[in-house]
Structures are given as C-alpha cells and as structure tokens.
C-alpha cells in the first residue's frame, strides 16, 4: 500500500483488505513498515487471532515474506510509510499488486504522482484507489479531478471509497466496517474493493471491470501472495 502523502487512509484500506482476506480463508499477515505503526495499533485492540500483524523495517521484508510463505501464509499486505522513497520501492519489488491510495484533491494528486512513478519505473502492476471522497450531491468529484488521476497512467479503481464516519469508528474498535456496520454503504464499497483485489490476485471467475469507459480488465503494491 503506497502513498507519498500522509492522511490518505492507506492503513485503513490495508487493515480492511487484510481482514477480508482472512475472512475469505486466506492465511494473512500485515507487514507494518510505517514508523507510526498504525496497523499494529489496530491489531492490538482487535479481538481474535486474524489477521496477524508484524512491525518491520523495509529491509526485512524479503526475509519476512519468505518465512511467512514457509509458515503457510497466502496473503501479505505491506503498509508503508508516507513519502516512502526507498522503503516504498523495496515493498513494490515484492508485490504482486500495488495499491496507491489518494484523496481527491489537487495537492494529494500532485503528491501521489511520485508513488505512481515508483511503480511504473519498477514495472510493477498498480491501481489507484480514491479514498475519503466527499459525500452528497455537493461533494461529487468534478470530472477534471478524475481526469487528473487517469492522466497519471495507472488504472483508476471502481469503487471510490467515501469519507464515512463508519471507517474511523470501526478502526478505533479494532474492527472493519463489515463487522461494525454490516450491510451499510461503507461495508458495501469496501467489499467491492476486496472483490477487485481478490479477483486480480487469485483469478476468480468473476471479472471486475476497473475502467467502465474502456470495458476491459486493466492490470493492477501492496499485496503479496506469500505462497
């Protein structure tokens, strides 16, 4: 999970997708390489054994990925620091799928271009995930904003994740929105994002169209099949 700007919600997306993988029966681990260790804080207040989470520095990722795979892990989420630089590049090299989380604002889009460049330079598959989008009729993203994101050269994820209070309330309890408010709009959009990720990594029969305008499946760090 990449973002060159803090506050985008990449840890929230990371823990939700890791929990979704565990619920789907995949043995899952979160590698928390962010010095703030936000994913670890979520794990400390979470009830139950899954998903596992470990604090790591980027230099230990390769060894940890190998040892996790040997222990039976199938899915690893790497939550990187903001403005990750070399740390982000190290994570990207190990990833089967790079998710770049961005808020729909001018400054965030300018900052996220560095993450896109890292993924592109390494030749890794990437997907831009729009998070914390405004709610309501007056909060619709203008076409120019989405156009700027598409111009970065990576596919843009459908669904867009909205700025919903349920996300923060769930994370504060060590939960996901599916557990905290099942059937709610936040649970629905996060479930849709998980289907995109799972469909890409495990080639499920259900094809998820990431770019309705093109009507074709686009290629999509930081998720790693540890097997």
C-alpha atoms as a PDB file:
ATOM      1  CA  UNK A   1       0.000   0.000   0.000  1.00  0.00           C
ATOM      2  CA  UNK A   2       1.628   3.216  -1.178  1.00  0.00           C
ATOM      3  CA  UNK A   3       1.070   6.916  -0.643  1.00  0.00           C
ATOM      4  CA  UNK A   4       3.570   9.764  -0.688  1.00  0.00           C
ATOM      5  CA  UNK A   5       1.245  11.909   1.424  1.00  0.00           C
ATOM      6  CA  UNK A   6       0.066  11.323   4.965  1.00  0.00           C
ATOM      7  CA  UNK A   7      -3.591  11.187   5.934  1.00  0.00           C
ATOM      8  CA  UNK A   8      -4.832   9.408   2.836  1.00  0.00           C
ATOM      9  CA  UNK A   9      -6.192   6.449   4.797  1.00  0.00           C
ATOM     10  CA  UNK A  10      -3.887   3.788   3.416  1.00  0.00           C
ATOM     11  CA  UNK A  11      -3.702   2.000   6.773  1.00  0.00           C
ATOM     12  CA  UNK A  12      -7.492   1.892   6.944  1.00  0.00           C
ATOM     13  CA  UNK A  13      -7.597   0.326   3.491  1.00  0.00           C
ATOM     14  CA  UNK A  14      -4.752  -2.059   4.412  1.00  0.00           C
ATOM     15  CA  UNK A  15      -6.367  -3.489   7.540  1.00  0.00           C
ATOM     16  CA  UNK A  16      -9.760  -3.815   5.876  1.00  0.00           C
ATOM     17  CA  UNK A  17      -8.404  -5.800   2.952  1.00  0.00           C
ATOM     18  CA  UNK A  18      -6.242  -7.938   5.218  1.00  0.00           C
ATOM     19  CA  UNK A  19      -9.272  -8.754   7.366  1.00  0.00           C
ATOM     20  CA  UNK A  20     -11.322  -9.514   4.269  1.00  0.00           C
ATOM     21  CA  UNK A  21      -8.664 -11.955   3.074  1.00  0.00           C
ATOM     22  CA  UNK A  22      -8.602 -13.679   6.457  1.00  0.00           C
ATOM     23  CA  UNK A  23     -12.392 -13.938   6.426  1.00  0.00           C
ATOM     24  CA  UNK A  24     -12.192 -15.485   2.966  1.00  0.00           C
ATOM     25  CA  UNK A  25      -9.998 -18.245   4.374  1.00  0.00           C
ATOM     26  CA  UNK A  26      -6.616 -16.905   3.300  1.00  0.00           C
ATOM     27  CA  UNK A  27      -3.918 -17.065   5.945  1.00  0.00           C
ATOM     28  CA  UNK A  28      -2.994 -13.389   6.085  1.00  0.00           C
ATOM     29  CA  UNK A  29      -0.305 -11.188   7.592  1.00  0.00           C
ATOM     30  CA  UNK A  30       0.133  -7.417   7.683  1.00  0.00           C
ATOM     31  CA  UNK A  31       3.698  -6.105   7.422  1.00  0.00           C
ATOM     32  CA  UNK A  32       3.597  -2.681   9.082  1.00  0.00           C
ATOM     33  CA  UNK A  33       6.652  -0.731   7.884  1.00  0.00           C
ATOM     34  CA  UNK A  34       5.271   2.676   8.868  1.00  0.00           C
ATOM     35  CA  UNK A  35       7.111   4.037  11.960  1.00  0.00           C
ATOM     36  CA  UNK A  36       3.755   5.227  13.292  1.00  0.00           C
ATOM     37  CA  UNK A  37       2.675   1.561  13.436  1.00  0.00           C
ATOM     38  CA  UNK A  38      -0.986   2.420  12.943  1.00  0.00           C
ATOM     39  CA  UNK A  39      -1.802  -1.062  11.669  1.00  0.00           C
ATOM     40  CA  UNK A  40      -0.230  -2.503  14.813  1.00  0.00           C
ATOM     41  CA  UNK A  41      -2.426  -0.246  16.963  1.00  0.00           C
ATOM     42  CA  UNK A  42      -5.486  -1.594  15.164  1.00  0.00           C
ATOM     43  CA  UNK A  43      -4.259  -5.158  15.695  1.00  0.00           C
ATOM     44  CA  UNK A  44      -3.686  -4.556  19.438  1.00  0.00           C
ATOM     45  CA  UNK A  45      -7.318  -3.635  20.050  1.00  0.00           C
ATOM     46  CA  UNK A  46      -8.721  -6.245  17.675  1.00  0.00           C
ATOM     47  CA  UNK A  47     -10.296  -9.373  19.120  1.00  0.00           C
ATOM     48  CA  UNK A  48      -9.446 -12.720  17.597  1.00  0.00           C
ATOM     49  CA  UNK A  49      -6.251 -14.093  16.063  1.00  0.00           C
ATOM     50  CA  UNK A  50      -6.580 -12.870  12.471  1.00  0.00           C
ATOM     51  CA  UNK A  51      -5.102 -11.233  10.597  1.00  0.00           C
ATOM     52  CA  UNK A  52      -1.605 -11.409  12.036  1.00  0.00           C
ATOM     53  CA  UNK A  53       0.426  -8.171  12.027  1.00  0.00           C
ATOM     54  CA  UNK A  54       4.142  -7.540  12.453  1.00  0.00           C
ATOM     55  CA  UNK A  55       6.151  -4.301  12.725  1.00  0.00           C
ATOM     56  CA  UNK A  56       9.071  -4.390  10.277  1.00  0.00           C
ATOM     57  CA  UNK A  57      11.587  -2.210   8.539  1.00  0.00           C
ATOM     58  CA  UNK A  58      11.645  -2.345   4.769  1.00  0.00           C
ATOM     59  CA  UNK A  59      14.990  -4.120   4.708  1.00  0.00           C
ATOM     60  CA  UNK A  60      13.463  -7.136   6.440  1.00  0.00           C
ATOM     61  CA  UNK A  61      10.540  -7.539   4.031  1.00  0.00           C
ATOM     62  CA  UNK A  62      12.120 -10.117   1.725  1.00  0.00           C
ATOM     63  CA  UNK A  63      13.156 -12.421   4.568  1.00  0.00           C
ATOM     64  CA  UNK A  64       9.793 -11.982   6.274  1.00  0.00           C
ATOM     65  CA  UNK A  65       7.902 -12.747   3.071  1.00  0.00           C
ATOM     66  CA  UNK A  66       9.859 -15.960   2.597  1.00  0.00           C
ATOM     67  CA  UNK A  67       9.428 -17.077   6.202  1.00  0.00           C
ATOM     68  CA  UNK A  68       5.708 -16.256   6.140  1.00  0.00           C
ATOM     69  CA  UNK A  69       5.240 -18.273   2.975  1.00  0.00           C
ATOM     70  CA  UNK A  70       7.089 -21.205   4.512  1.00  0.00           C
ATOM     71  CA  UNK A  71       4.742 -20.983   7.509  1.00  0.00           C
ATOM     72  CA  UNK A  72       1.694 -21.171   5.242  1.00  0.00           C
ATOM     73  CA  UNK A  73       0.768 -17.538   4.664  1.00  0.00           C
ATOM     74  CA  UNK A  74      -1.095 -16.867   1.429  1.00  0.00           C
ATOM     75  CA  UNK A  75      -1.576 -13.114   1.507  1.00  0.00           C
ATOM     76  CA  UNK A  76       0.617 -10.295   2.799  1.00  0.00           C
ATOM     77  CA  UNK A  77      -0.350  -6.651   2.986  1.00  0.00           C
ATOM     78  CA  UNK A  78       2.530  -4.182   3.266  1.00  0.00           C
ATOM     79  CA  UNK A  79       1.540  -0.889   4.865  1.00  0.00           C
ATOM     80  CA  UNK A  80       4.297   1.587   4.002  1.00  0.00           C
ATOM     81  CA  UNK A  81       5.168   4.992   5.413  1.00  0.00           C
ATOM     82  CA  UNK A  82       4.080   8.195   3.709  1.00  0.00           C
ATOM     83  CA  UNK A  83       6.768   9.613   1.408  1.00  0.00           C
ATOM     84  CA  UNK A  84       8.193   6.115   1.465  1.00  0.00           C
ATOM     85  CA  UNK A  85      11.044   6.612  -1.035  1.00  0.00           C
ATOM     86  CA  UNK A  86      13.391   3.627  -0.986  1.00  0.00           C
ATOM     87  CA  UNK A  87      11.153   1.839   1.523  1.00  0.00           C
ATOM     88  CA  UNK A  88       8.246   2.055  -0.875  1.00  0.00           C
ATOM     89  CA  UNK A  89      10.367   0.833  -3.748  1.00  0.00           C
ATOM     90  CA  UNK A  90      11.527  -2.175  -1.717  1.00  0.00           C
ATOM     91  CA  UNK A  91       7.920  -3.059  -0.915  1.00  0.00           C
ATOM     92  CA  UNK A  92       6.884  -2.590  -4.529  1.00  0.00           C
ATOM     93  CA  UNK A  93       9.532  -5.002  -5.756  1.00  0.00           C
ATOM     94  CA  UNK A  94       7.978  -7.770  -3.646  1.00  0.00           C
ATOM     95  CA  UNK A  95       4.389  -7.007  -4.564  1.00  0.00           C
ATOM     96  CA  UNK A  96       2.018  -8.740  -6.941  1.00  0.00           C
ATOM     97  CA  UNK A  97      -0.306  -5.761  -6.755  1.00  0.00           C
ATOM     98  CA  UNK A  98       0.397  -2.113  -5.856  1.00  0.00           C
ATOM     99  CA  UNK A  99      -2.485  -0.073  -4.467  1.00  0.00           C
ATOM    100  CA  UNK A 100      -1.841   3.673  -4.401  1.00  0.00           C
ATOM    101  CA  UNK A 101      -4.271   5.434  -2.090  1.00  0.00           C
ATOM    102  CA  UNK A 102      -5.142   9.068  -2.791  1.00  0.00           C
ATOM    103  CA  UNK A 103      -7.685  11.644  -1.658  1.00  0.00           C
ATOM    104  CA  UNK A 104      -9.452  13.511  -4.493  1.00  0.00           C
ATOM    105  CA  UNK A 105      -7.749  16.872  -4.000  1.00  0.00           C
ATOM    106  CA  UNK A 106      -5.303  18.809  -6.136  1.00  0.00           C
ATOM    107  CA  UNK A 107      -2.384  18.622  -3.672  1.00  0.00           C
ATOM    108  CA  UNK A 108      -2.905  14.919  -2.990  1.00  0.00           C
ATOM    109  CA  UNK A 109      -2.981  14.114  -6.682  1.00  0.00           C
ATOM    110  CA  UNK A 110       0.263  16.035  -7.247  1.00  0.00           C
ATOM    111  CA  UNK A 111       1.923  14.160  -4.372  1.00  0.00           C
ATOM    112  CA  UNK A 112       0.718  10.718  -5.464  1.00  0.00           C
ATOM    113  CA  UNK A 113       2.420  11.112  -8.829  1.00  0.00           C
ATOM    114  CA  UNK A 114       5.698  10.146  -7.100  1.00  0.00           C
ATOM    115  CA  UNK A 115       4.219   6.823  -5.995  1.00  0.00           C
ATOM    116  CA  UNK A 116       2.922   6.203  -9.494  1.00  0.00           C
ATOM    117  CA  UNK A 117       6.387   6.896 -10.873  1.00  0.00           C
ATOM    118  CA  UNK A 118       7.938   4.395  -8.441  1.00  0.00           C
ATOM    119  CA  UNK A 119       5.530   1.667  -9.524  1.00  0.00           C
ATOM    120  CA  UNK A 120       5.966   2.491 -13.216  1.00  0.00           C
ATOM    121  CA  UNK A 121       9.761   2.613 -13.053  1.00  0.00           C
ATOM    122  CA  UNK A 122       9.840  -0.829 -11.420  1.00  0.00           C
ATOM    123  CA  UNK A 123       7.450  -2.252 -13.966  1.00  0.00           C
ATOM    124  CA  UNK A 124       5.003  -3.351 -11.276  1.00  0.00           C
ATOM    125  CA  UNK A 125       1.220  -3.549 -11.732  1.00  0.00           C
ATOM    126  CA  UNK A 126      -0.588  -0.727  -9.965  1.00  0.00           C
ATOM    127  CA  UNK A 127      -4.058   0.556  -9.176  1.00  0.00           C
ATOM    128  CA  UNK A 128      -5.079   3.980  -7.878  1.00  0.00           C
ATOM    129  CA  UNK A 129      -7.676   3.811  -5.090  1.00  0.00           C
ATOM    130  CA  UNK A 130      -9.588   7.017  -4.408  1.00  0.00           C
ATOM    131  CA  UNK A 131     -10.316   7.289  -0.678  1.00  0.00           C
ATOM    132  CA  UNK A 132     -12.162   9.804   1.512  1.00  0.00           C
ATOM    133  CA  UNK A 133     -14.198  11.151  -1.388  1.00  0.00           C
ATOM    134  CA  UNK A 134     -16.803  13.739  -0.329  1.00  0.00           C
ATOM    135  CA  UNK A 135     -20.350  12.623   0.366  1.00  0.00           C
ATOM    136  CA  UNK A 136     -23.550  14.070  -1.000  1.00  0.00           C
ATOM    137  CA  UNK A 137     -24.647  15.856  -4.136  1.00  0.00           C
ATOM    138  CA  UNK A 138     -22.445  18.860  -3.421  1.00  0.00           C
ATOM    139  CA  UNK A 139     -19.450  16.624  -2.759  1.00  0.00           C
ATOM    140  CA  UNK A 140     -19.277  14.878  -6.125  1.00  0.00           C
ATOM    141  CA  UNK A 141     -15.817  14.852  -7.600  1.00  0.00           C
ATOM    142  CA  UNK A 142     -15.575  17.008 -10.675  1.00  0.00           C
ATOM    143  CA  UNK A 143     -14.671  15.383 -13.965  1.00  0.00           C
ATOM    144  CA  UNK A 144     -11.385  17.313 -14.016  1.00  0.00           C
ATOM    145  CA  UNK A 145     -10.269  15.630 -10.777  1.00  0.00           C
ATOM    146  CA  UNK A 146     -10.870  12.138 -12.112  1.00  0.00           C
ATOM    147  CA  UNK A 147      -9.218  13.175 -15.338  1.00  0.00           C
ATOM    148  CA  UNK A 148      -6.058  14.210 -13.491  1.00  0.00           C
ATOM    149  CA  UNK A 149      -5.925  10.809 -11.818  1.00  0.00           C
ATOM    150  CA  UNK A 150      -6.404   8.952 -15.089  1.00  0.00           C
ATOM    151  CA  UNK A 151      -3.658  11.049 -16.661  1.00  0.00           C
ATOM    152  CA  UNK A 152      -1.167   9.563 -14.169  1.00  0.00           C
ATOM    153  CA  UNK A 153      -1.093   6.443 -16.330  1.00  0.00           C
ATOM    154  CA  UNK A 154      -2.434   3.765 -13.967  1.00  0.00           C
ATOM    155  CA  UNK A 155      -5.983   2.385 -13.872  1.00  0.00           C
ATOM    156  CA  UNK A 156      -8.434   4.011 -11.508  1.00  0.00           C
ATOM    157  CA  UNK A 157     -10.302   1.710  -9.135  1.00  0.00           C
ATOM    158  CA  UNK A 158     -14.037   1.327  -9.056  1.00  0.00           C
ATOM    159  CA  UNK A 159     -15.423   1.649  -6.381  1.00  0.00           C
ATOM    160  CA  UNK A 160     -14.436   5.005  -4.918  1.00  0.00           C
ATOM    161  CA  UNK A 161     -14.276   4.947  -1.115  1.00  0.00           C
ATOM    162  CA  UNK A 162     -16.231   7.757   0.543  1.00  0.00           C
ATOM    163  CA  UNK A 163     -15.436   9.833   3.644  1.00  0.00           C
ATOM    164  CA  UNK A 164     -17.688   7.889   6.013  1.00  0.00           C
ATOM    165  CA  UNK A 165     -17.567   8.038   9.810  1.00  0.00           C
ATOM    166  CA  UNK A 166     -18.016   4.260   9.942  1.00  0.00           C
ATOM    167  CA  UNK A 167     -14.421   3.699   8.840  1.00  0.00           C
ATOM    168  CA  UNK A 168     -12.867   5.591  11.726  1.00  0.00           C
ATOM    169  CA  UNK A 169     -15.339   4.199  14.254  1.00  0.00           C
ATOM    170  CA  UNK A 170     -14.612   0.641  13.150  1.00  0.00           C
ATOM    171  CA  UNK A 171     -10.820   1.029  13.139  1.00  0.00           C
ATOM    172  CA  UNK A 172     -10.873   2.556  16.639  1.00  0.00           C
ATOM    173  CA  UNK A 173     -12.507  -0.663  17.863  1.00  0.00           C
ATOM    174  CA  UNK A 174     -10.117  -2.965  16.032  1.00  0.00           C
ATOM    175  CA  UNK A 175     -12.887  -3.870  13.619  1.00  0.00           C
ATOM    176  CA  UNK A 176     -13.780  -3.458   9.955  1.00  0.00           C
ATOM    177  CA  UNK A 177     -16.827  -1.666   8.604  1.00  0.00           C
ATOM    178  CA  UNK A 178     -18.260  -5.039   7.576  1.00  0.00           C
ATOM    179  CA  UNK A 179     -18.114  -6.083  11.243  1.00  0.00           C
ATOM    180  CA  UNK A 180     -19.059  -2.688  12.712  1.00  0.00           C
ATOM    181  CA  UNK A 181     -21.914  -1.794  10.372  1.00  0.00           C
ATOM    182  CA  UNK A 182     -22.753  -4.839   8.220  1.00  0.00           C
ATOM    183  CA  UNK A 183     -24.875  -4.031   5.207  1.00  0.00           C
ATOM    184  CA  UNK A 184     -24.043  -0.321   5.344  1.00  0.00           C
ATOM    185  CA  UNK A 185     -22.675   1.717   2.446  1.00  0.00           C
ATOM    186  CA  UNK A 186     -19.105   1.611   3.778  1.00  0.00           C
ATOM    187  CA  UNK A 187     -19.258  -2.177   4.067  1.00  0.00           C
ATOM    188  CA  UNK A 188     -20.595  -2.400   0.536  1.00  0.00           C
ATOM    189  CA  UNK A 189     -17.904  -0.270  -1.082  1.00  0.00           C
ATOM    190  CA  UNK A 190     -15.076  -1.963   0.832  1.00  0.00           C
ATOM    191  CA  UNK A 191     -16.498  -5.346  -0.110  1.00  0.00           C
ATOM    192  CA  UNK A 192     -16.444  -4.290  -3.737  1.00  0.00           C
ATOM    193  CA  UNK A 193     -12.798  -3.239  -3.445  1.00  0.00           C
ATOM    194  CA  UNK A 194     -11.912  -6.600  -1.916  1.00  0.00           C
ATOM    195  CA  UNK A 195     -13.540  -8.339  -4.890  1.00  0.00           C
ATOM    196  CA  UNK A 196     -11.323  -6.329  -7.229  1.00  0.00           C
ATOM    197  CA  UNK A 197      -8.203  -7.303  -5.289  1.00  0.00           C
ATOM    198  CA  UNK A 198      -9.142 -10.954  -4.868  1.00  0.00           C
ATOM    199  CA  UNK A 199     -10.199 -11.270  -8.487  1.00  0.00           C
ATOM    200  CA  UNK A 200      -6.868  -9.921  -9.620  1.00  0.00           C
ATOM    201  CA  UNK A 201      -4.652 -11.972  -7.318  1.00  0.00           C
ATOM    202  CA  UNK A 202      -6.438 -15.288  -7.472  1.00  0.00           C
ATOM    203  CA  UNK A 203      -8.033 -15.059 -10.924  1.00  0.00           C
ATOM    204  CA  UNK A 204     -11.546 -15.779  -9.725  1.00  0.00           C
ATOM    205  CA  UNK A 205     -14.228 -16.453 -12.301  1.00  0.00           C
ATOM    206  CA  UNK A 206     -15.914 -13.112 -11.605  1.00  0.00           C
ATOM    207  CA  UNK A 207     -14.328 -10.411 -13.759  1.00  0.00           C
ATOM    208  CA  UNK A 208     -14.373  -6.949 -12.192  1.00  0.00           C
ATOM    209  CA  UNK A 209     -14.219  -4.052 -14.652  1.00  0.00           C
ATOM    210  CA  UNK A 210     -11.812  -1.470 -13.250  1.00  0.00           C
ATOM    211  CA  UNK A 211     -12.403   1.016 -16.025  1.00  0.00           C
ATOM    212  CA  UNK A 212     -16.000   1.106 -17.260  1.00  0.00           C
ATOM    213  CA  UNK A 213     -15.056   3.536 -20.014  1.00  0.00           C
ATOM    214  CA  UNK A 214     -12.725   1.024 -21.644  1.00  0.00           C
ATOM    215  CA  UNK A 215     -14.809  -2.077 -20.792  1.00  0.00           C
ATOM    216  CA  UNK A 216     -11.724  -4.198 -20.268  1.00  0.00           C
ATOM    217  CA  UNK A 217      -9.841  -5.520 -17.262  1.00  0.00           C
ATOM    218  CA  UNK A 218      -6.859  -3.302 -16.510  1.00  0.00           C
ATOM    219  CA  UNK A 219      -3.705  -4.549 -14.749  1.00  0.00           C
ATOM    220  CA  UNK A 220      -3.478  -3.518 -11.200  1.00  0.00           C
ATOM    221  CA  UNK A 221       1.799  -2.530  -4.413  1.00  0.00           C
ATOM    222  CA  UNK A 222       0.914  -3.552  -1.996  1.00  0.00           C
ATOM    223  CA  UNK A 223      -0.355  -7.034  -1.849  1.00  0.00           C
ATOM    224  CA  UNK A 224       1.695 -10.137  -1.999  1.00  0.00           C
ATOM    225  CA  UNK A 225       0.650 -13.737  -2.341  1.00  0.00           C
ATOM    226  CA  UNK A 226       3.025 -15.268   0.143  1.00  0.00           C
ATOM    227  CA  UNK A 227       2.653 -18.691  -1.413  1.00  0.00           C
END
